[in-house]
């Protein structure tokens, strides 16, 4: 009888262990934009690849459109382990104490995607990611979204057109300085609150890549869009460092490969998504889309380039110079 009881107990223990082993590792992936944006689509691609390649050992739960956390909440939630993965805009790391990431917010720091890629895929990008580790965060990849347009309910053709406007920004000292250089009044606001703020006149305008502008329907409450390409918006895919390091080595290796493939996909579709979104904004006939002339571009550059100098003490002159050297290497001056 004792032998039989021992066998039963052992069988139950083995079944419990097996059931426990079969429980999938859950990765909660929270972000603040729509599913049909470059970031939203890339998050879904990562989920698909991770679940397929780990044969169900990993389950990725994607929470788009601030359904889980808003801008200000998500980084704290990640550090506390309430969520495992985020893809915040690069501006979000300044308030966290890693000011160097605000270099991505500087106006006219990236003349084109070629320079941007040299930075994000080279030593500069890697060094920036390493700075997150002291905050309990592991950086996995840079995801592109694109260059920004300006929007308001009046034409924004020249720098003086911004005077007195209340412009929504992310929490970034650089973006604050950018709009003050144009004579506007920057207003920090969560991304999920922007549409209503534009609709009610709490703010007059904002800046975004076209895909964000269109998918959040901001064009419905903005009469004028200027294709300025004055600044860049990208994301860093990050995970809770302890969670990542505690993963089984084989799972972590698979997820790293999945992230590389999702990143390749994200960065390949970003430009097309923005082009398509801008075409859809034009097609509504409700929003005037304006392209700066060469002379106007020079005026904008003259007004905004001093922000780079002003931010040297905050971001680091050496870092700013290193990115400008990458531009020079590709023929930009």
C-alpha atoms as a PDB file:
ATOM      1  CA  UNK A   1       0.000   0.000   0.000  1.00  0.00           C
ATOM      2  CA  UNK A   2       2.823   2.322   0.941  1.00  0.00           C
ATOM      3  CA  UNK A   3       4.467   1.596  -2.429  1.00  0.00           C
ATOM      4  CA  UNK A   4       1.215   2.359  -4.258  1.00  0.00           C
ATOM      5  CA  UNK A   5       0.815   5.658  -2.380  1.00  0.00           C
ATOM      6  CA  UNK A   6       4.391   6.575  -3.251  1.00  0.00           C
ATOM      7  CA  UNK A   7       3.739   5.885  -6.929  1.00  0.00           C
ATOM      8  CA  UNK A   8       0.581   8.007  -6.874  1.00  0.00           C
ATOM      9  CA  UNK A   9       2.376  10.845  -5.094  1.00  0.00           C
ATOM     10  CA  UNK A  10       5.273  10.707  -7.540  1.00  0.00           C
ATOM     11  CA  UNK A  11       2.873  10.672 -10.501  1.00  0.00           C
ATOM     12  CA  UNK A  12       1.029  13.710  -9.161  1.00  0.00           C
ATOM     13  CA  UNK A  13       4.295  15.523  -8.611  1.00  0.00           C
ATOM     14  CA  UNK A  14       5.439  14.760 -12.135  1.00  0.00           C
ATOM     15  CA  UNK A  15       2.127  15.903 -13.593  1.00  0.00           C
ATOM     16  CA  UNK A  16       2.334  19.135 -11.592  1.00  0.00           C
ATOM     17  CA  UNK A  17       5.854  19.745 -12.831  1.00  0.00           C
ATOM     18  CA  UNK A  18       4.792  19.020 -16.390  1.00  0.00           C
ATOM     19  CA  UNK A  19       1.825  21.391 -16.121  1.00  0.00           C
ATOM     20  CA  UNK A  20       4.073  24.037 -14.620  1.00  0.00           C
ATOM     21  CA  UNK A  21       6.635  23.576 -17.368  1.00  0.00           C
ATOM     22  CA  UNK A  22       3.913  23.970 -19.992  1.00  0.00           C
ATOM     23  CA  UNK A  23       2.776  27.327 -18.629  1.00  0.00           C
ATOM     24  CA  UNK A  24       3.832  29.883 -21.279  1.00  0.00           C
ATOM     25  CA  UNK A  25       6.084  32.803 -20.456  1.00  0.00           C
ATOM     26  CA  UNK A  26       3.887  35.885 -20.809  1.00  0.00           C
ATOM     27  CA  UNK A  27       5.320  39.102 -22.249  1.00  0.00           C
ATOM     28  CA  UNK A  28       3.008  42.079 -21.853  1.00  0.00           C
ATOM     29  CA  UNK A  29       3.942  44.523 -24.625  1.00  0.00           C
ATOM     30  CA  UNK A  30       2.346  47.929 -24.084  1.00  0.00           C
ATOM     31  CA  UNK A  31       2.441  50.905 -26.464  1.00  0.00           C
ATOM     32  CA  UNK A  32       0.512  54.137 -27.023  1.00  0.00           C
ATOM     33  CA  UNK A  33      -0.188  54.209 -30.773  1.00  0.00           C
ATOM     34  CA  UNK A  34      -2.697  52.497 -33.044  1.00  0.00           C
ATOM     35  CA  UNK A  35      -2.246  48.944 -34.324  1.00  0.00           C
ATOM     36  CA  UNK A  36      -2.150  50.140 -37.946  1.00  0.00           C
ATOM     37  CA  UNK A  37       0.980  52.288 -37.497  1.00  0.00           C
ATOM     38  CA  UNK A  38       4.582  51.178 -38.159  1.00  0.00           C
ATOM     39  CA  UNK A  39       5.111  50.533 -34.440  1.00  0.00           C
ATOM     40  CA  UNK A  40       1.761  48.812 -34.038  1.00  0.00           C
ATOM     41  CA  UNK A  41       2.390  46.516 -37.001  1.00  0.00           C
ATOM     42  CA  UNK A  42       5.919  45.721 -35.839  1.00  0.00           C
ATOM     43  CA  UNK A  43       4.649  44.792 -32.355  1.00  0.00           C
ATOM     44  CA  UNK A  44       2.166  42.390 -33.941  1.00  0.00           C
ATOM     45  CA  UNK A  45       4.918  40.934 -36.136  1.00  0.00           C
ATOM     46  CA  UNK A  46       7.112  40.333 -33.074  1.00  0.00           C
ATOM     47  CA  UNK A  47       4.196  38.603 -31.301  1.00  0.00           C
ATOM     48  CA  UNK A  48       3.572  36.370 -34.301  1.00  0.00           C
ATOM     49  CA  UNK A  49       7.234  35.388 -34.689  1.00  0.00           C
ATOM     50  CA  UNK A  50       7.845  34.857 -30.966  1.00  0.00           C
ATOM     51  CA  UNK A  51       4.832  32.599 -30.453  1.00  0.00           C
ATOM     52  CA  UNK A  52       5.509  30.624 -33.622  1.00  0.00           C
ATOM     53  CA  UNK A  53       9.242  30.074 -33.095  1.00  0.00           C
ATOM     54  CA  UNK A  54       8.977  29.188 -29.405  1.00  0.00           C
ATOM     55  CA  UNK A  55       6.132  26.761 -30.210  1.00  0.00           C
ATOM     56  CA  UNK A  56       3.879  28.412 -27.667  1.00  0.00           C
ATOM     57  CA  UNK A  57       6.425  28.572 -24.847  1.00  0.00           C
ATOM     58  CA  UNK A  58       6.106  32.362 -25.049  1.00  0.00           C
ATOM     59  CA  UNK A  59       2.855  34.302 -25.238  1.00  0.00           C
ATOM     60  CA  UNK A  60       3.036  37.979 -26.229  1.00  0.00           C
ATOM     61  CA  UNK A  61       0.098  40.134 -25.183  1.00  0.00           C
ATOM     62  CA  UNK A  62       0.102  43.409 -27.131  1.00  0.00           C
ATOM     63  CA  UNK A  63      -1.759  46.374 -25.634  1.00  0.00           C
ATOM     64  CA  UNK A  64      -1.967  49.228 -28.190  1.00  0.00           C
ATOM     65  CA  UNK A  65      -3.417  52.741 -27.970  1.00  0.00           C
ATOM     66  CA  UNK A  66      -2.620  53.302 -24.263  1.00  0.00           C
ATOM     67  CA  UNK A  67      -5.112  50.595 -23.268  1.00  0.00           C
ATOM     68  CA  UNK A  68      -2.769  49.434 -20.492  1.00  0.00           C
ATOM     69  CA  UNK A  69      -0.582  52.448 -19.678  1.00  0.00           C
ATOM     70  CA  UNK A  70      -0.252  56.051 -20.823  1.00  0.00           C
ATOM     71  CA  UNK A  71       3.029  57.772 -21.690  1.00  0.00           C
ATOM     72  CA  UNK A  72       4.006  58.808 -18.183  1.00  0.00           C
ATOM     73  CA  UNK A  73       3.002  55.522 -16.561  1.00  0.00           C
ATOM     74  CA  UNK A  74       4.545  52.932 -18.837  1.00  0.00           C
ATOM     75  CA  UNK A  75       8.239  53.312 -17.975  1.00  0.00           C
ATOM     76  CA  UNK A  76       7.554  53.066 -14.257  1.00  0.00           C
ATOM     77  CA  UNK A  77       5.384  49.999 -14.901  1.00  0.00           C
ATOM     78  CA  UNK A  78       8.258  48.394 -16.818  1.00  0.00           C
ATOM     79  CA  UNK A  79      10.765  49.095 -14.053  1.00  0.00           C
ATOM     80  CA  UNK A  80       8.363  47.603 -11.498  1.00  0.00           C
ATOM     81  CA  UNK A  81       7.825  44.510 -13.664  1.00  0.00           C
ATOM     82  CA  UNK A  82       4.087  45.125 -14.194  1.00  0.00           C
ATOM     83  CA  UNK A  83       4.764  45.045 -17.931  1.00  0.00           C
ATOM     84  CA  UNK A  84       7.697  43.376 -19.639  1.00  0.00           C
ATOM     85  CA  UNK A  85       8.144  45.183 -22.972  1.00  0.00           C
ATOM     86  CA  UNK A  86       7.606  48.703 -24.313  1.00  0.00           C
ATOM     87  CA  UNK A  87       8.509  50.695 -27.391  1.00  0.00           C
ATOM     88  CA  UNK A  88       8.485  54.301 -26.142  1.00  0.00           C
ATOM     89  CA  UNK A  89       9.574  57.216 -28.263  1.00  0.00           C
ATOM     90  CA  UNK A  90      13.201  58.107 -27.700  1.00  0.00           C
ATOM     91  CA  UNK A  91      12.213  61.392 -26.024  1.00  0.00           C
ATOM     92  CA  UNK A  92      10.816  59.440 -23.050  1.00  0.00           C
ATOM     93  CA  UNK A  93      14.254  58.641 -21.648  1.00  0.00           C
ATOM     94  CA  UNK A  94      15.178  62.255 -20.866  1.00  0.00           C
ATOM     95  CA  UNK A  95      12.756  62.505 -17.924  1.00  0.00           C
ATOM     96  CA  UNK A  96      14.062  59.109 -16.768  1.00  0.00           C
ATOM     97  CA  UNK A  97      17.498  60.677 -16.371  1.00  0.00           C
ATOM     98  CA  UNK A  98      19.140  59.440 -19.576  1.00  0.00           C
ATOM     99  CA  UNK A  99      19.267  62.816 -21.306  1.00  0.00           C
ATOM    100  CA  UNK A 100      21.515  61.676 -24.113  1.00  0.00           C
ATOM    101  CA  UNK A 101      18.512  60.148 -25.878  1.00  0.00           C
ATOM    102  CA  UNK A 102      17.123  63.651 -26.375  1.00  0.00           C
ATOM    103  CA  UNK A 103      19.693  64.048 -29.136  1.00  0.00           C
ATOM    104  CA  UNK A 104      17.117  62.350 -31.381  1.00  0.00           C
ATOM    105  CA  UNK A 105      14.745  65.279 -30.751  1.00  0.00           C
ATOM    106  CA  UNK A 106      17.137  67.933 -32.013  1.00  0.00           C
ATOM    107  CA  UNK A 107      15.805  69.729 -35.086  1.00  0.00           C
ATOM    108  CA  UNK A 108      17.709  68.992 -38.288  1.00  0.00           C
ATOM    109  CA  UNK A 109      20.176  66.611 -36.594  1.00  0.00           C
ATOM    110  CA  UNK A 110      19.330  63.883 -39.156  1.00  0.00           C
ATOM    111  CA  UNK A 111      19.291  65.115 -42.756  1.00  0.00           C
ATOM    112  CA  UNK A 112      18.022  61.743 -43.998  1.00  0.00           C
ATOM    113  CA  UNK A 113      17.515  58.097 -43.081  1.00  0.00           C
ATOM    114  CA  UNK A 114      21.019  57.121 -44.170  1.00  0.00           C
ATOM    115  CA  UNK A 115      22.552  59.243 -41.406  1.00  0.00           C
ATOM    116  CA  UNK A 116      19.967  58.002 -38.934  1.00  0.00           C
ATOM    117  CA  UNK A 117      20.795  54.367 -39.731  1.00  0.00           C
ATOM    118  CA  UNK A 118      24.537  54.983 -39.271  1.00  0.00           C
ATOM    119  CA  UNK A 119      23.720  56.237 -35.773  1.00  0.00           C
ATOM    120  CA  UNK A 120      21.141  53.674 -34.610  1.00  0.00           C
ATOM    121  CA  UNK A 121      22.956  50.653 -36.048  1.00  0.00           C
ATOM    122  CA  UNK A 122      26.453  51.808 -35.131  1.00  0.00           C
ATOM    123  CA  UNK A 123      28.491  52.429 -31.959  1.00  0.00           C
ATOM    124  CA  UNK A 124      26.568  55.588 -31.008  1.00  0.00           C
ATOM    125  CA  UNK A 125      23.251  53.729 -30.874  1.00  0.00           C
ATOM    126  CA  UNK A 126      24.766  50.829 -28.921  1.00  0.00           C
ATOM    127  CA  UNK A 127      26.366  53.145 -26.351  1.00  0.00           C
ATOM    128  CA  UNK A 128      23.067  54.925 -25.792  1.00  0.00           C
ATOM    129  CA  UNK A 129      21.258  51.639 -25.176  1.00  0.00           C
ATOM    130  CA  UNK A 130      23.879  50.648 -22.589  1.00  0.00           C
ATOM    131  CA  UNK A 131      23.058  53.762 -20.568  1.00  0.00           C
ATOM    132  CA  UNK A 132      19.587  52.350 -19.859  1.00  0.00           C
ATOM    133  CA  UNK A 133      20.885  49.341 -17.940  1.00  0.00           C
ATOM    134  CA  UNK A 134      21.501  51.286 -14.717  1.00  0.00           C
ATOM    135  CA  UNK A 135      17.753  52.034 -14.749  1.00  0.00           C
ATOM    136  CA  UNK A 136      16.830  48.344 -14.820  1.00  0.00           C
ATOM    137  CA  UNK A 137      16.086  48.497 -18.547  1.00  0.00           C
ATOM    138  CA  UNK A 138      17.523  46.459 -21.408  1.00  0.00           C
ATOM    139  CA  UNK A 139      17.425  48.040 -24.869  1.00  0.00           C
ATOM    140  CA  UNK A 140      16.758  45.586 -27.708  1.00  0.00           C
ATOM    141  CA  UNK A 141      16.238  47.603 -30.896  1.00  0.00           C
ATOM    142  CA  UNK A 142      15.518  50.942 -32.534  1.00  0.00           C
ATOM    143  CA  UNK A 143      12.270  51.111 -34.502  1.00  0.00           C
ATOM    144  CA  UNK A 144      11.812  53.815 -37.091  1.00  0.00           C
ATOM    145  CA  UNK A 145       8.686  55.894 -37.490  1.00  0.00           C
ATOM    146  CA  UNK A 146       9.831  58.779 -39.582  1.00  0.00           C
ATOM    147  CA  UNK A 147      10.267  62.475 -39.972  1.00  0.00           C
ATOM    148  CA  UNK A 148       7.695  64.857 -38.569  1.00  0.00           C
ATOM    149  CA  UNK A 149       5.196  67.261 -40.060  1.00  0.00           C
ATOM    150  CA  UNK A 150       3.712  70.283 -38.296  1.00  0.00           C
ATOM    151  CA  UNK A 151      -0.033  70.806 -37.991  1.00  0.00           C
ATOM    152  CA  UNK A 152      -2.318  73.607 -36.795  1.00  0.00           C
ATOM    153  CA  UNK A 153      -5.472  75.435 -37.754  1.00  0.00           C
ATOM    154  CA  UNK A 154      -3.573  78.050 -39.659  1.00  0.00           C
ATOM    155  CA  UNK A 155      -0.837  77.835 -42.320  1.00  0.00           C
ATOM    156  CA  UNK A 156       2.668  77.215 -40.958  1.00  0.00           C
ATOM    157  CA  UNK A 157       4.884  78.272 -43.831  1.00  0.00           C
ATOM    158  CA  UNK A 158       7.401  80.499 -42.084  1.00  0.00           C
ATOM    159  CA  UNK A 159       8.930  80.478 -38.586  1.00  0.00           C
ATOM    160  CA  UNK A 160       6.952  83.564 -37.559  1.00  0.00           C
ATOM    161  CA  UNK A 161       3.675  81.704 -38.218  1.00  0.00           C
ATOM    162  CA  UNK A 162       4.191  79.811 -34.942  1.00  0.00           C
ATOM    163  CA  UNK A 163       4.170  82.886 -32.726  1.00  0.00           C
ATOM    164  CA  UNK A 164       1.717  82.565 -29.878  1.00  0.00           C
ATOM    165  CA  UNK A 165       0.495  79.075 -30.797  1.00  0.00           C
ATOM    166  CA  UNK A 166       0.068  76.444 -28.088  1.00  0.00           C
ATOM    167  CA  UNK A 167       1.875  73.390 -29.470  1.00  0.00           C
ATOM    168  CA  UNK A 168       1.610  69.928 -27.900  1.00  0.00           C
ATOM    169  CA  UNK A 169       4.913  68.198 -27.185  1.00  0.00           C
ATOM    170  CA  UNK A 170       6.172  65.075 -25.500  1.00  0.00           C
ATOM    171  CA  UNK A 171       8.018  65.652 -22.248  1.00  0.00           C
ATOM    172  CA  UNK A 172      11.322  66.772 -23.755  1.00  0.00           C
ATOM    173  CA  UNK A 173      13.430  69.816 -22.933  1.00  0.00           C
ATOM    174  CA  UNK A 174      14.685  69.779 -26.515  1.00  0.00           C
ATOM    175  CA  UNK A 175      11.191  69.929 -27.995  1.00  0.00           C
ATOM    176  CA  UNK A 176      10.329  72.644 -25.500  1.00  0.00           C
ATOM    177  CA  UNK A 177      13.335  74.659 -26.708  1.00  0.00           C
ATOM    178  CA  UNK A 178      12.433  73.942 -30.342  1.00  0.00           C
ATOM    179  CA  UNK A 179       9.002  75.543 -30.105  1.00  0.00           C
ATOM    180  CA  UNK A 180      10.202  78.421 -27.962  1.00  0.00           C
ATOM    181  CA  UNK A 181      12.748  79.167 -30.708  1.00  0.00           C
ATOM    182  CA  UNK A 182       9.764  79.533 -33.056  1.00  0.00           C
ATOM    183  CA  UNK A 183       7.891  81.796 -30.646  1.00  0.00           C
ATOM    184  CA  UNK A 184       5.298  79.145 -29.745  1.00  0.00           C
ATOM    185  CA  UNK A 185       4.168  77.961 -26.311  1.00  0.00           C
ATOM    186  CA  UNK A 186       4.943  74.242 -25.827  1.00  0.00           C
ATOM    187  CA  UNK A 187       2.454  72.174 -23.829  1.00  0.00           C
ATOM    188  CA  UNK A 188       3.441  68.732 -22.481  1.00  0.00           C
ATOM    189  CA  UNK A 189       0.597  66.260 -22.967  1.00  0.00           C
ATOM    190  CA  UNK A 190       0.037  62.490 -23.149  1.00  0.00           C
ATOM    191  CA  UNK A 191      -0.326  61.202 -26.704  1.00  0.00           C
ATOM    192  CA  UNK A 192      -3.739  59.700 -25.950  1.00  0.00           C
ATOM    193  CA  UNK A 193      -5.100  63.127 -24.958  1.00  0.00           C
ATOM    194  CA  UNK A 194      -3.973  65.044 -28.045  1.00  0.00           C
ATOM    195  CA  UNK A 195      -7.020  64.602 -30.298  1.00  0.00           C
ATOM    196  CA  UNK A 196      -9.435  65.968 -27.716  1.00  0.00           C
ATOM    197  CA  UNK A 197      -7.064  68.808 -26.827  1.00  0.00           C
ATOM    198  CA  UNK A 198      -6.857  69.821 -30.489  1.00  0.00           C
ATOM    199  CA  UNK A 199     -10.613  69.479 -30.890  1.00  0.00           C
ATOM    200  CA  UNK A 200     -11.381  71.688 -27.898  1.00  0.00           C
ATOM    201  CA  UNK A 201      -8.628  74.230 -28.499  1.00  0.00           C
ATOM    202  CA  UNK A 202      -6.624  73.377 -25.390  1.00  0.00           C
ATOM    203  CA  UNK A 203      -3.705  73.257 -27.838  1.00  0.00           C
ATOM    204  CA  UNK A 204      -3.530  74.759 -31.317  1.00  0.00           C
ATOM    205  CA  UNK A 205      -1.233  72.288 -33.049  1.00  0.00           C
ATOM    206  CA  UNK A 206       1.297  69.522 -32.814  1.00  0.00           C
ATOM    207  CA  UNK A 207       4.082  67.651 -34.612  1.00  0.00           C
ATOM    208  CA  UNK A 208       4.009  64.008 -35.664  1.00  0.00           C
ATOM    209  CA  UNK A 209       4.967  61.646 -38.448  1.00  0.00           C
ATOM    210  CA  UNK A 210       1.994  61.435 -40.836  1.00  0.00           C
ATOM    211  CA  UNK A 211       1.131  57.878 -39.758  1.00  0.00           C
ATOM    212  CA  UNK A 212       0.473  59.018 -36.182  1.00  0.00           C
ATOM    213  CA  UNK A 213      -1.388  62.125 -37.345  1.00  0.00           C
ATOM    214  CA  UNK A 214      -3.724  60.109 -39.561  1.00  0.00           C
ATOM    215  CA  UNK A 215      -4.327  57.026 -37.405  1.00  0.00           C
ATOM    216  CA  UNK A 216      -5.207  59.227 -34.415  1.00  0.00           C
ATOM    217  CA  UNK A 217      -7.504  61.277 -36.696  1.00  0.00           C
ATOM    218  CA  UNK A 218      -5.758  64.499 -35.718  1.00  0.00           C
ATOM    219  CA  UNK A 219      -6.169  65.714 -39.288  1.00  0.00           C
ATOM    220  CA  UNK A 220      -9.915  65.902 -38.609  1.00  0.00           C
ATOM    221  CA  UNK A 221      -9.264  68.755 -36.178  1.00  0.00           C
ATOM    222  CA  UNK A 222      -6.289  70.363 -37.961  1.00  0.00           C
ATOM    223  CA  UNK A 223      -6.850  72.416 -41.104  1.00  0.00           C
ATOM    224  CA  UNK A 224      -3.205  72.810 -42.104  1.00  0.00           C
ATOM    225  CA  UNK A 225      -0.279  70.380 -42.306  1.00  0.00           C
ATOM    226  CA  UNK A 226       3.236  71.426 -43.307  1.00  0.00           C
ATOM    227  CA  UNK A 227       5.641  68.753 -44.533  1.00  0.00           C
ATOM    228  CA  UNK A 228       8.699  70.142 -42.785  1.00  0.00           C
ATOM    229  CA  UNK A 229      10.725  67.002 -41.945  1.00  0.00           C
ATOM    230  CA  UNK A 230      12.319  69.171 -39.271  1.00  0.00           C
ATOM    231  CA  UNK A 231      12.641  66.421 -36.699  1.00  0.00           C
ATOM    232  CA  UNK A 232      12.625  62.691 -36.235  1.00  0.00           C
ATOM    233  CA  UNK A 233      10.442  60.321 -34.217  1.00  0.00           C
ATOM    234  CA  UNK A 234      11.697  56.856 -33.441  1.00  0.00           C
ATOM    235  CA  UNK A 235      11.305  54.284 -30.712  1.00  0.00           C
ATOM    236  CA  UNK A 236      13.455  52.046 -28.572  1.00  0.00           C
ATOM    237  CA  UNK A 237      12.129  48.560 -27.893  1.00  0.00           C
ATOM    238  CA  UNK A 238      12.980  47.887 -24.267  1.00  0.00           C
ATOM    239  CA  UNK A 239      12.402  45.148 -21.695  1.00  0.00           C
ATOM    240  CA  UNK A 240      12.628  44.822 -17.959  1.00  0.00           C
ATOM    241  CA  UNK A 241      16.310  43.885 -17.500  1.00  0.00           C
ATOM    242  CA  UNK A 242      15.776  41.318 -14.727  1.00  0.00           C
ATOM    243  CA  UNK A 243      12.926  39.632 -16.618  1.00  0.00           C
ATOM    244  CA  UNK A 244      15.087  39.393 -19.749  1.00  0.00           C
ATOM    245  CA  UNK A 245      18.128  38.013 -17.954  1.00  0.00           C
ATOM    246  CA  UNK A 246      16.020  35.454 -16.073  1.00  0.00           C
ATOM    247  CA  UNK A 247      14.630  33.952 -19.284  1.00  0.00           C
ATOM    248  CA  UNK A 248      15.926  30.505 -20.283  1.00  0.00           C
ATOM    249  CA  UNK A 249      18.932  31.030 -22.547  1.00  0.00           C
ATOM    250  CA  UNK A 250      17.357  29.246 -25.502  1.00  0.00           C
ATOM    251  CA  UNK A 251      14.174  31.345 -25.254  1.00  0.00           C
ATOM    252  CA  UNK A 252      16.154  34.568 -25.000  1.00  0.00           C
ATOM    253  CA  UNK A 253      18.174  33.612 -28.084  1.00  0.00           C
ATOM    254  CA  UNK A 254      14.997  32.907 -30.083  1.00  0.00           C
ATOM    255  CA  UNK A 255      13.411  36.192 -28.975  1.00  0.00           C
ATOM    256  CA  UNK A 256      16.527  38.149 -29.955  1.00  0.00           C
ATOM    257  CA  UNK A 257      16.272  36.702 -33.469  1.00  0.00           C
ATOM    258  CA  UNK A 258      12.543  37.484 -33.588  1.00  0.00           C
ATOM    259  CA  UNK A 259      13.262  41.067 -32.557  1.00  0.00           C
ATOM    260  CA  UNK A 260      15.857  41.440 -35.315  1.00  0.00           C
ATOM    261  CA  UNK A 261      13.327  40.284 -37.904  1.00  0.00           C
ATOM    262  CA  UNK A 262      10.547  42.487 -36.478  1.00  0.00           C
ATOM    263  CA  UNK A 263      12.943  45.454 -36.516  1.00  0.00           C
ATOM    264  CA  UNK A 264      13.882  44.838 -40.124  1.00  0.00           C
ATOM    265  CA  UNK A 265      10.173  44.764 -40.952  1.00  0.00           C
ATOM    266  CA  UNK A 266       9.372  47.907 -38.918  1.00  0.00           C
ATOM    267  CA  UNK A 267      12.097  49.966 -40.514  1.00  0.00           C
ATOM    268  CA  UNK A 268      11.209  48.768 -44.015  1.00  0.00           C
ATOM    269  CA  UNK A 269       7.560  49.815 -43.810  1.00  0.00           C
ATOM    270  CA  UNK A 270       7.918  53.139 -41.963  1.00  0.00           C
ATOM    271  CA  UNK A 271       8.425  55.381 -44.997  1.00  0.00           C
ATOM    272  CA  UNK A 272       5.653  53.764 -47.025  1.00  0.00           C
ATOM    273  CA  UNK A 273       3.237  53.958 -44.103  1.00  0.00           C
ATOM    274  CA  UNK A 274       3.902  57.674 -43.739  1.00  0.00           C
ATOM    275  CA  UNK A 275       3.593  58.304 -47.472  1.00  0.00           C
ATOM    276  CA  UNK A 276       0.276  56.445 -47.514  1.00  0.00           C
ATOM    277  CA  UNK A 277      -1.008  58.330 -44.478  1.00  0.00           C
ATOM    278  CA  UNK A 278      -0.154  61.698 -46.013  1.00  0.00           C
ATOM    279  CA  UNK A 279      -1.945  60.707 -49.223  1.00  0.00           C
ATOM    280  CA  UNK A 280      -5.033  59.790 -47.180  1.00  0.00           C
ATOM    281  CA  UNK A 281      -4.934  63.142 -45.370  1.00  0.00           C
ATOM    282  CA  UNK A 282      -4.827  64.914 -48.745  1.00  0.00           C
ATOM    283  CA  UNK A 283      -7.664  62.755 -50.093  1.00  0.00           C
ATOM    284  CA  UNK A 284     -10.069  63.916 -47.382  1.00  0.00           C
ATOM    285  CA  UNK A 285      -9.940  67.409 -48.872  1.00  0.00           C
ATOM    286  CA  UNK A 286     -10.379  68.840 -45.370  1.00  0.00           C
ATOM    287  CA  UNK A 287      -6.730  69.509 -44.573  1.00  0.00           C
ATOM    288  CA  UNK A 288      -4.351  71.597 -46.651  1.00  0.00           C
ATOM    289  CA  UNK A 289      -0.983  69.832 -47.043  1.00  0.00           C
ATOM    290  CA  UNK A 290       1.855  72.248 -47.771  1.00  0.00           C
ATOM    291  CA  UNK A 291       5.455  71.521 -48.799  1.00  0.00           C
ATOM    292  CA  UNK A 292       8.103  74.053 -47.854  1.00  0.00           C
ATOM    293  CA  UNK A 293       9.995  75.770 -50.647  1.00  0.00           C
ATOM    294  CA  UNK A 294      13.800  75.635 -50.586  1.00  0.00           C
ATOM    295  CA  UNK A 295      13.904  79.240 -49.360  1.00  0.00           C
ATOM    296  CA  UNK A 296      11.460  78.444 -46.543  1.00  0.00           C
ATOM    297  CA  UNK A 297      13.477  75.378 -45.540  1.00  0.00           C
ATOM    298  CA  UNK A 298      16.496  77.631 -45.099  1.00  0.00           C
ATOM    299  CA  UNK A 299      14.470  79.986 -42.906  1.00  0.00           C
ATOM    300  CA  UNK A 300      13.314  77.080 -40.726  1.00  0.00           C
ATOM    301  CA  UNK A 301      16.859  75.757 -40.424  1.00  0.00           C
ATOM    302  CA  UNK A 302      18.173  79.207 -39.473  1.00  0.00           C
ATOM    303  CA  UNK A 303      15.497  79.491 -36.773  1.00  0.00           C
ATOM    304  CA  UNK A 304      15.955  75.990 -35.342  1.00  0.00           C
ATOM    305  CA  UNK A 305      19.631  75.064 -35.709  1.00  0.00           C
ATOM    306  CA  UNK A 306      20.633  77.201 -32.684  1.00  0.00           C
ATOM    307  CA  UNK A 307      18.716  74.706 -30.525  1.00  0.00           C
ATOM    308  CA  UNK A 308      21.566  72.235 -31.081  1.00  0.00           C
ATOM    309  CA  UNK A 309      24.043  74.670 -29.525  1.00  0.00           C
ATOM    310  CA  UNK A 310      21.652  75.546 -26.690  1.00  0.00           C
ATOM    311  CA  UNK A 311      21.251  71.869 -25.751  1.00  0.00           C
ATOM    312  CA  UNK A 312      24.958  70.998 -25.643  1.00  0.00           C
ATOM    313  CA  UNK A 313      25.121  71.339 -21.861  1.00  0.00           C
ATOM    314  CA  UNK A 314      22.112  69.040 -21.438  1.00  0.00           C
ATOM    315  CA  UNK A 315      22.791  66.340 -24.013  1.00  0.00           C
ATOM    316  CA  UNK A 316      26.549  66.565 -24.404  1.00  0.00           C
ATOM    317  CA  UNK A 317      28.530  68.410 -27.028  1.00  0.00           C
ATOM    318  CA  UNK A 318      30.593  65.334 -27.881  1.00  0.00           C
ATOM    319  CA  UNK A 319      27.476  63.299 -28.709  1.00  0.00           C
ATOM    320  CA  UNK A 320      25.983  66.050 -30.880  1.00  0.00           C
ATOM    321  CA  UNK A 321      29.317  66.500 -32.669  1.00  0.00           C
ATOM    322  CA  UNK A 322      29.626  62.751 -33.265  1.00  0.00           C
ATOM    323  CA  UNK A 323      26.239  62.667 -35.053  1.00  0.00           C
ATOM    324  CA  UNK A 324      27.099  65.734 -37.111  1.00  0.00           C
ATOM    325  CA  UNK A 325      30.311  63.936 -38.136  1.00  0.00           C
ATOM    326  CA  UNK A 326      28.210  61.024 -39.398  1.00  0.00           C
ATOM    327  CA  UNK A 327      26.290  63.552 -41.514  1.00  0.00           C
ATOM    328  CA  UNK A 328      29.505  65.029 -42.827  1.00  0.00           C
ATOM    329  CA  UNK A 329      30.753  61.554 -43.756  1.00  0.00           C
ATOM    330  CA  UNK A 330      27.745  61.260 -46.076  1.00  0.00           C
ATOM    331  CA  UNK A 331      28.323  64.657 -47.634  1.00  0.00           C
ATOM    332  CA  UNK A 332      26.115  66.869 -45.449  1.00  0.00           C
ATOM    333  CA  UNK A 333      27.480  70.060 -43.939  1.00  0.00           C
END
